[in-house]
Amino acid sequence: MRPEATQRGVIYLDHAATSWPKPPGVTEAIVQAMQEDAANPGRGSHQMAVRASRIMFEARKALAKLFRIANPNDIAFAMNTTMALNTAIKGLVKPGDHVITTAVEHNSVRRPLEYLKKIANIEVTTMETDEYGKVDIARLEQLIRPHTRVVIVNHSSNLLGSIVPLADIGAVTRKHGVHLLVDAAQSAGLLDIDVEAMGIDLLAFPGHKGLLGPQGTGGLYIHPKVELEPLLHGGTGSQSESLEQPTVRPDRFEAGTQNCPGLAGLKTGVQYVLEQTPKRIYDHEWSLVQYIMEELQTIGGIRILGPASGLPRTGIVSFIVEGIDPAETAFILDQHYQIAVRAGFHCTPLAHGTARTLATGAVRASVGCFTTKNEAEALIMAIGEIKKHYN
């Protein structure tokens, strides 16, 4: 499955941050859009502008097919998941509202909510999970109040790799008339997502991770019955005579010139995911992380976070090597073994608190659809040598 790419001698195991390399055709699509279709989409009727608009709509159609979205225009493009989450949270939550979230959320959820707590007097309930990221559905239902506006859940933790049962959560939120906002930063392109079947009202996703597109791309699905206030106001190329932001979708949520070349690359990345299927990609990544976990456990003195071996998880293995600071472990892997991982707190102190690693952080190795078993073996060998050296 690996594309032709210049590897520069690096074993790249930081796919949870950004996938690399990209599939064949992604770079070419970006370059072609820059060279041939680099006009302003939606801002003119000449041929180049029309072709640029077509690129954007084709990207929307590919995403709609992947997520089972009936109307592609219910997808608003954003720079990344963070922008999409801010659009959803700040556009939906009103003063005095109650919000439920979980103890494994990313700062892209936590910080906007903290901001709204200060300026809009909202209430936030953080539902505890176990240390493996498991959500108690019965407890969620108990936490819902008459003024609960939205439940926000991370489909898969970027620290633990744990996966929440979206369909079960969606059944609870629909029963109580509460919105469901899903952070799909680690799941889009990897796990099956059906917005209607799962009861998802808002889905925030990145283009540069599991969808295999470039950085600076992503989006937000907004259910047709959900009304949001736009995060940005400005030019859209439509209803320009009005003082107000357009009401038509997706223009209402896409003020300013969009990243058309990036979206050309995203379209190609999504098409690759559709051809391979998320299930095939998931099975490949799951088998690799199971191998890594099992082999790390044979070394001894290593604590692995998240679900146990054999259980569902995304392509993330976070761990701590006993007696070695995670930052030092990552530094040695990079400098001496040319293995790229990420250490620290991964912008999710809530999840680290849940995993009892807030004092130290952790090392996170994350695989992708092009990661090979040889690369997994190189990581295991390196960790074994580092552990032996420090002993």
Protein backbone atom coordinates (compact mmCIF):
# COMPACT_ATOMS: atom_id res chain seq x y z
CA MET A 1 0.00 0.00 0.00
CA ARG A 2 3.01 2.31 0.37
CA PRO A 3 3.27 5.02 -2.32
CA GLU A 4 6.48 6.07 -3.94
CA ALA A 5 7.91 8.75 -1.67
CA THR A 6 11.23 10.14 -0.56
CA GLN A 7 11.61 8.73 2.94
CA ARG A 8 14.83 10.59 3.86
CA GLY A 9 15.73 7.68 6.11
CA VAL A 10 12.95 8.51 8.59
CA ILE A 11 10.58 5.96 10.08
CA TYR A 12 7.50 8.11 10.51
CA LEU A 13 5.27 7.08 13.42
CA ASP A 14 3.44 10.34 14.08
CA HIS A 15 0.35 9.80 11.94
CA ALA A 16 -1.99 10.86 14.76
CA ALA A 17 -0.59 14.37 14.25
CA THR A 18 -0.41 14.33 10.43
CA SER A 19 -0.36 11.42 7.99
CA TRP A 20 2.72 11.05 5.80
CA PRO A 21 3.48 10.15 3.07
CA LYS A 22 0.33 10.94 1.13
CA PRO A 23 -1.20 8.58 -1.46
CA PRO A 24 -0.25 8.77 -5.13
CA GLY A 25 -1.93 11.69 -6.84
CA VAL A 26 -2.42 13.99 -3.85
CA THR A 27 0.60 16.18 -4.53
CA GLU A 28 -0.11 16.13 -8.26
CA ALA A 29 -3.71 17.28 -7.67
CA ILE A 30 -2.48 20.20 -5.56
CA VAL A 31 0.09 21.22 -8.16
CA GLN A 32 -2.42 20.93 -11.01
CA ALA A 33 -4.92 23.11 -9.15
CA MET A 34 -2.20 25.70 -8.57
CA GLN A 35 -1.04 25.65 -12.18
CA GLU A 36 -4.35 25.36 -14.02
CA ASP A 37 -7.26 26.22 -11.73
CA ALA A 38 -5.84 28.75 -9.28
CA ALA A 39 -8.72 31.22 -9.60
CA ASN A 40 -11.02 32.21 -6.76
CA PRO A 41 -13.80 29.61 -6.34
CA GLY A 42 -17.30 31.06 -6.16
CA ARG A 43 -16.11 34.56 -7.04
CA GLY A 44 -16.47 34.63 -10.80
CA SER A 45 -18.12 33.03 -13.83
CA HIS A 46 -15.02 32.66 -16.00
CA GLN A 47 -13.68 29.21 -16.81
CA MET A 48 -10.93 29.08 -14.21
CA ALA A 49 -13.25 30.16 -11.39
CA VAL A 50 -15.82 27.59 -12.47
CA ARG A 51 -13.20 24.84 -12.48
CA ALA A 52 -12.03 25.90 -9.01
CA SER A 53 -15.63 25.75 -7.74
CA ARG A 54 -16.00 22.31 -9.28
CA ILE A 55 -12.93 21.07 -7.39
CA MET A 56 -14.50 22.16 -4.12
CA PHE A 57 -17.83 20.53 -4.90
CA GLU A 58 -16.16 17.27 -5.92
CA ALA A 59 -14.31 17.26 -2.60
CA ARG A 60 -17.63 17.79 -0.81
CA LYS A 61 -19.20 14.92 -2.75
CA ALA A 62 -16.36 12.55 -1.86
CA LEU A 63 -16.68 13.44 1.83
CA ALA A 64 -20.46 13.08 1.70
CA LYS A 65 -20.06 9.60 0.26
CA LEU A 66 -17.58 8.62 2.97
CA PHE A 67 -19.72 9.88 5.87
CA ARG A 68 -23.12 9.00 4.30
CA ILE A 69 -24.21 12.63 4.16
CA ALA A 70 -27.28 13.20 1.97
CA ASN A 71 -26.47 16.77 0.88
CA PRO A 72 -22.80 17.67 0.22
CA ASN A 73 -23.66 21.32 0.87
CA ASP A 74 -24.15 20.47 4.55
CA ILE A 75 -20.35 20.20 4.73
CA ALA A 76 -18.54 23.47 5.49
CA PHE A 77 -14.81 23.48 4.86
CA ALA A 78 -12.42 24.61 7.59
CA MET A 79 -8.66 24.86 8.04
CA ASN A 80 -8.60 21.95 10.49
CA THR A 81 -10.61 20.13 13.17
CA THR A 82 -9.94 22.90 15.68
CA MET A 83 -11.59 25.51 13.48
CA ALA A 84 -14.49 23.15 12.80
CA LEU A 85 -15.00 22.49 16.51
CA ASN A 86 -14.88 26.20 17.30
CA THR A 87 -17.47 26.83 14.59
CA ALA A 88 -19.75 24.18 16.06
CA ILE A 89 -19.31 25.04 19.74
CA LYS A 90 -19.40 28.82 19.50
CA GLY A 91 -22.16 28.77 16.91
CA LEU A 92 -24.43 26.40 18.83
CA VAL A 93 -23.99 26.95 22.57
CA LYS A 94 -25.96 29.86 24.05
CA PRO A 95 -25.65 31.68 27.40
CA GLY A 96 -26.90 29.50 30.24
CA ASP A 97 -26.71 26.25 28.26
CA HIS A 98 -25.44 23.00 29.71
CA VAL A 99 -22.84 20.95 27.82
CA ILE A 100 -21.69 17.39 28.49
CA THR A 101 -18.27 16.24 27.39
CA THR A 102 -15.83 13.52 28.44
CA ALA A 103 -12.60 13.19 30.35
CA VAL A 104 -10.58 12.30 27.25
CA GLU A 105 -11.28 15.39 25.13
CA HIS A 106 -8.70 17.41 23.24
CA ASN A 107 -7.97 21.04 24.08
CA SER A 108 -9.80 21.96 20.86
CA VAL A 109 -12.97 21.10 22.78
CA ARG A 110 -11.90 21.99 26.29
CA ARG A 111 -10.59 25.49 25.59
CA PRO A 112 -13.60 26.81 23.62
CA LEU A 113 -15.83 25.53 26.42
CA GLU A 114 -13.69 27.22 29.07
CA TYR A 115 -13.95 30.43 27.04
CA LEU A 116 -17.74 30.18 26.93
CA LYS A 117 -17.89 29.45 30.64
CA LYS A 118 -16.28 32.84 31.22
CA ILE A 119 -18.20 34.96 28.74
CA ALA A 120 -21.56 33.17 28.43
CA ASN A 121 -22.02 31.55 31.84
CA ILE A 122 -22.50 28.08 30.40
CA GLU A 123 -22.28 24.92 32.50
CA VAL A 124 -19.99 22.05 31.51
CA THR A 125 -20.17 18.54 32.91
CA THR A 126 -17.11 16.41 32.21
CA MET A 127 -18.16 12.78 32.27
CA GLU A 128 -15.52 10.49 33.70
CA THR A 129 -14.29 7.47 31.77
CA ASP A 130 -12.18 4.60 33.03
CA GLU A 131 -8.43 4.82 32.48
CA TYR A 132 -8.84 3.04 29.15
CA GLY A 133 -11.26 5.65 27.80
CA LYS A 134 -14.46 3.60 28.13
CA VAL A 135 -17.68 5.65 28.31
CA ASP A 136 -20.60 4.63 30.54
CA ILE A 137 -23.74 5.11 28.42
CA ALA A 138 -26.09 4.81 31.41
CA ARG A 139 -24.14 7.51 33.21
CA LEU A 140 -24.36 9.78 30.17
CA GLU A 141 -28.15 9.56 30.20
CA GLN A 142 -28.21 10.42 33.91
CA LEU A 143 -26.21 13.60 33.28
CA ILE A 144 -28.63 15.09 30.75
CA ARG A 145 -30.61 18.05 32.08
CA PRO A 146 -33.53 20.03 30.67
CA HIS A 147 -31.15 22.75 29.47
CA THR A 148 -28.48 20.43 28.04
CA ARG A 149 -27.71 21.74 24.57
CA VAL A 150 -25.07 19.35 23.25
CA VAL A 151 -23.00 16.28 24.07
CA ILE A 152 -19.45 16.47 22.70
CA VAL A 153 -17.43 13.29 22.31
CA ASN A 154 -14.07 12.38 20.88
CA HIS A 155 -14.71 9.41 18.57
CA SER A 156 -11.22 8.14 19.33
CA SER A 157 -8.79 9.48 21.92
CA ASN A 158 -5.58 10.90 20.47
CA LEU A 159 -3.73 9.55 23.52
CA LEU A 160 -5.40 6.23 24.31
CA GLY A 161 -6.64 5.13 20.91
CA SER A 162 -9.92 4.17 22.59
CA ILE A 163 -13.12 4.22 20.52
CA VAL A 164 -16.52 5.34 21.84
CA PRO A 165 -19.80 3.69 20.70
CA LEU A 166 -21.22 6.55 18.66
CA ALA A 167 -24.47 4.78 17.72
CA ASP A 168 -25.26 4.14 21.40
CA ILE A 169 -24.46 7.72 22.34
CA GLY A 170 -26.50 9.03 19.41
CA ALA A 171 -29.48 6.96 20.51
CA VAL A 172 -29.36 8.64 23.94
CA THR A 173 -28.98 12.19 22.57
CA ARG A 174 -31.82 11.75 20.07
CA LYS A 175 -34.08 10.29 22.75
CA HIS A 176 -33.60 13.43 24.84
CA GLY A 177 -33.54 15.96 21.99
CA VAL A 178 -29.90 16.90 22.64
CA HIS A 179 -27.39 17.62 19.88
CA LEU A 180 -24.39 15.34 19.35
CA LEU A 181 -21.08 16.88 18.23
CA VAL A 182 -18.36 14.40 17.29
CA ASP A 183 -14.64 15.15 17.14
CA ALA A 184 -13.44 12.80 14.39
CA ALA A 185 -9.82 13.96 14.38
CA GLN A 186 -8.52 10.41 14.87
CA SER A 187 -11.33 8.45 13.24
CA ALA A 188 -12.22 10.09 9.92
CA GLY A 189 -11.03 7.78 7.16
CA LEU A 190 -10.29 4.96 9.61
CA LEU A 191 -13.59 4.10 11.32
CA ASP A 192 -16.97 3.72 9.72
CA ILE A 193 -19.01 6.91 10.19
CA ASP A 194 -22.66 7.14 9.16
CA VAL A 195 -24.04 10.47 10.36
CA GLU A 196 -27.70 9.46 10.15
CA ALA A 197 -27.40 5.94 11.54
CA MET A 198 -25.23 7.18 14.41
CA GLY A 199 -27.36 10.21 15.25
CA ILE A 200 -24.57 12.70 14.58
CA ASP A 201 -25.69 16.32 14.34
CA LEU A 202 -22.25 17.86 13.90
CA LEU A 203 -19.07 16.14 12.74
CA ALA A 204 -15.70 17.93 12.88
CA PHE A 205 -12.93 16.30 10.87
CA PRO A 206 -9.38 17.01 9.63
CA GLY A 207 -8.18 16.63 6.08
CA HIS A 208 -4.54 16.00 6.92
CA LYS A 209 -4.78 12.85 9.05
CA GLY A 210 -6.80 9.77 8.13
CA LEU A 211 -8.27 11.42 5.04
CA LEU A 212 -4.70 11.64 3.67
CA GLY A 213 -4.97 15.20 2.38
CA PRO A 214 -2.73 18.21 3.03
CA GLN A 215 -2.58 20.39 6.11
CA GLY A 216 -4.89 23.39 6.14
CA THR A 217 -7.92 21.32 5.17
CA GLY A 218 -10.85 19.86 7.10
CA GLY A 219 -14.48 20.56 7.69
CA LEU A 220 -17.69 20.43 9.66
CA TYR A 221 -20.83 18.50 8.78
CA ILE A 222 -23.93 20.35 10.00
CA HIS A 223 -27.23 18.47 10.09
CA PRO A 224 -29.84 20.30 7.96
CA LYS A 225 -32.04 20.86 11.04
CA VAL A 226 -29.20 22.41 13.07
CA GLU A 227 -28.83 26.19 13.01
CA LEU A 228 -25.43 27.68 13.78
CA GLU A 229 -24.15 31.20 14.03
CA PRO A 230 -21.12 31.52 11.70
CA LEU A 231 -17.70 31.78 13.28
CA LEU A 232 -16.51 34.12 10.51
CA HIS A 233 -18.33 36.88 8.63
CA GLY A 234 -17.29 38.33 5.30
CA GLY A 235 -17.23 37.81 1.58
CA THR A 236 -18.72 34.64 0.17
CA GLY A 237 -19.47 35.49 -3.46
CA SER A 238 -23.18 35.06 -2.81
CA GLN A 239 -25.92 37.42 -1.57
CA SER A 240 -23.29 40.17 -1.71
CA GLU A 241 -25.95 42.90 -1.64
CA SER A 242 -26.99 41.83 1.87
CA LEU A 243 -25.44 43.25 5.04
CA GLU A 244 -25.95 39.90 6.72
CA GLN A 245 -24.05 36.68 6.22
CA PRO A 246 -25.75 34.51 3.55
CA THR A 247 -28.30 31.99 4.75
CA VAL A 248 -27.53 29.44 2.03
CA ARG A 249 -25.16 26.56 2.80
CA PRO A 250 -22.25 26.12 2.65
CA ASP A 251 -21.60 29.82 1.93
CA ARG A 252 -22.91 30.85 5.34
CA PHE A 253 -19.94 29.14 7.01
CA GLU A 254 -17.21 29.76 4.43
CA ALA A 255 -16.39 33.44 4.51
CA GLY A 256 -13.24 34.34 2.61
CA THR A 257 -11.28 32.58 -0.10
CA GLN A 258 -11.07 28.83 0.44
CA ASN A 259 -8.00 26.63 0.07
CA CYS A 260 -8.88 25.27 -3.37
CA PRO A 261 -5.49 23.61 -4.10
CA GLY A 262 -5.55 21.97 -0.69
CA LEU A 263 -9.09 20.74 -1.29
CA ALA A 264 -8.00 19.28 -4.62
CA GLY A 265 -5.47 17.25 -2.65
CA LEU A 266 -8.08 16.36 -0.03
CA LYS A 267 -10.46 15.10 -2.70
CA THR A 268 -7.77 12.77 -4.00
CA GLY A 269 -6.95 11.57 -0.49
CA VAL A 270 -10.61 10.83 0.27
CA GLN A 271 -10.99 9.01 -3.03
CA TYR A 272 -8.04 6.82 -2.04
CA VAL A 273 -9.70 6.04 1.31
CA LEU A 274 -12.94 5.15 -0.47
CA GLU A 275 -11.09 2.84 -2.85
CA GLN A 276 -9.16 1.10 -0.06
CA THR A 277 -12.14 1.27 2.36
CA PRO A 278 -11.82 2.43 5.98
CA LYS A 279 -12.18 -1.19 7.14
CA ARG A 280 -9.14 -2.34 5.21
CA ILE A 281 -7.10 0.58 6.51
CA TYR A 282 -8.32 -0.02 10.08
CA ASP A 283 -7.49 -3.72 9.92
CA HIS A 284 -3.98 -2.92 8.71
CA GLU A 285 -3.35 -0.37 11.46
CA TRP A 286 -4.97 -2.52 14.16
CA SER A 287 -2.77 -5.50 13.35
CA LEU A 288 0.33 -3.31 13.54
CA VAL A 289 -0.55 -1.77 16.91
CA GLN A 290 -1.39 -5.21 18.31
CA TYR A 291 2.04 -6.41 17.23
CA ILE A 292 3.75 -3.37 18.75
CA MET A 293 1.87 -3.74 22.03
CA GLU A 294 2.59 -7.45 22.35
CA GLU A 295 6.28 -7.03 21.61
CA LEU A 296 6.69 -4.06 23.94
CA GLN A 297 5.14 -6.10 26.73
CA THR A 298 7.83 -8.76 26.31
CA ILE A 299 10.52 -6.15 26.96
CA GLY A 300 9.22 -5.45 30.45
CA GLY A 301 9.12 -2.21 32.40
CA ILE A 302 6.85 -0.54 29.87
CA ARG A 303 3.35 0.72 30.64
CA ILE A 304 1.03 0.85 27.63
CA LEU A 305 -1.97 3.18 27.79
CA GLY A 306 -5.44 2.56 26.42
CA PRO A 307 -7.41 -0.59 25.63
CA ALA A 308 -5.73 -3.94 26.25
CA SER A 309 -4.40 -6.19 23.51
CA GLY A 310 -7.11 -7.69 21.35
CA LEU A 311 -9.61 -4.88 21.91
CA PRO A 312 -10.65 -2.26 19.34
CA ARG A 313 -8.40 0.80 19.09
CA THR A 314 -7.15 3.17 16.45
CA GLY A 315 -3.53 3.17 15.26
CA ILE A 316 -2.11 4.70 18.43
CA VAL A 317 0.21 3.14 21.02
CA SER A 318 1.08 5.50 23.87
CA PHE A 319 3.51 4.20 26.46
CA ILE A 320 5.98 5.05 29.21
CA VAL A 321 9.37 3.38 29.57
CA GLU A 322 10.02 2.89 33.27
CA GLY A 323 12.74 5.22 34.58
CA ILE A 324 13.06 7.27 31.39
CA ASP A 325 11.42 10.62 30.76
CA PRO A 326 9.10 10.33 27.72
CA ALA A 327 10.67 13.41 26.13
CA GLU A 328 14.10 11.79 26.38
CA THR A 329 12.79 8.54 24.90
CA ALA A 330 11.37 10.42 21.92
CA PHE A 331 14.59 12.42 21.51
CA ILE A 332 16.71 9.28 21.43
CA LEU A 333 14.36 7.62 18.96
CA ASP A 334 14.63 10.64 16.68
CA GLN A 335 18.34 11.37 16.95
CA HIS A 336 19.77 7.85 17.14
CA TYR A 337 17.21 5.72 15.33
CA GLN A 338 15.54 8.23 12.94
CA ILE A 339 12.14 7.21 14.31
CA ALA A 340 9.61 10.04 14.56
CA VAL A 341 7.17 9.80 17.48
CA ARG A 342 5.58 12.40 19.73
CA ALA A 343 6.12 12.82 23.46
CA GLY A 344 4.46 15.11 25.98
CA PHE A 345 0.81 15.83 26.70
CA HIS A 346 -0.60 15.74 23.15
CA CYS A 347 -2.88 18.75 23.77
CA THR A 348 -5.07 16.55 25.97
CA PRO A 349 -4.34 17.01 29.68
CA LEU A 350 -7.81 15.63 30.42
CA ALA A 351 -6.90 12.29 28.88
CA HIS A 352 -3.54 12.26 30.65
CA GLY A 353 -5.35 12.87 33.93
CA THR A 354 -7.63 9.96 33.14
CA ALA A 355 -4.65 7.74 32.30
CA ARG A 356 -2.73 8.89 35.42
CA THR A 357 0.14 10.27 33.32
CA LEU A 358 -0.36 13.97 33.96
CA ALA A 359 2.91 14.17 35.91
CA THR A 360 5.04 12.68 33.14
CA GLY A 361 3.27 12.71 29.79
CA ALA A 362 3.86 9.76 27.49
CA VAL A 363 5.47 8.64 24.25
CA ARG A 364 2.98 8.21 21.41
CA ALA A 365 3.76 6.06 18.40
CA SER A 366 1.02 6.18 15.78
CA VAL A 367 0.89 4.15 12.59
CA GLY A 368 -0.76 4.92 9.27
CA CYS A 369 -2.05 3.09 6.25
CA PHE A 370 1.44 2.99 4.70
CA THR A 371 3.32 1.89 7.84
CA THR A 372 5.07 -1.46 7.38
CA LYS A 373 5.77 -4.28 9.82
CA ASN A 374 9.50 -3.65 9.31
CA GLU A 375 9.01 -0.13 10.65
CA ALA A 376 7.09 -1.48 13.65
CA GLU A 377 9.94 -3.94 14.28
CA ALA A 378 12.46 -1.08 14.15
CA LEU A 379 10.54 0.75 16.89
CA ILE A 380 10.42 -2.35 19.09
CA MET A 381 14.13 -3.02 18.62
CA ALA A 382 14.98 0.60 19.45
CA ILE A 383 12.87 0.63 22.61
CA GLY A 384 14.49 -2.62 23.71
CA GLU A 385 17.97 -1.16 23.24
CA ILE A 386 17.07 2.07 25.04
CA LYS A 387 15.58 0.14 27.96
CA LYS A 388 18.66 -2.11 28.16
CA HIS A 389 21.01 0.89 28.08
CA TYR A 390 19.19 2.63 30.94
CA ASN A 391 19.12 -0.49 33.05
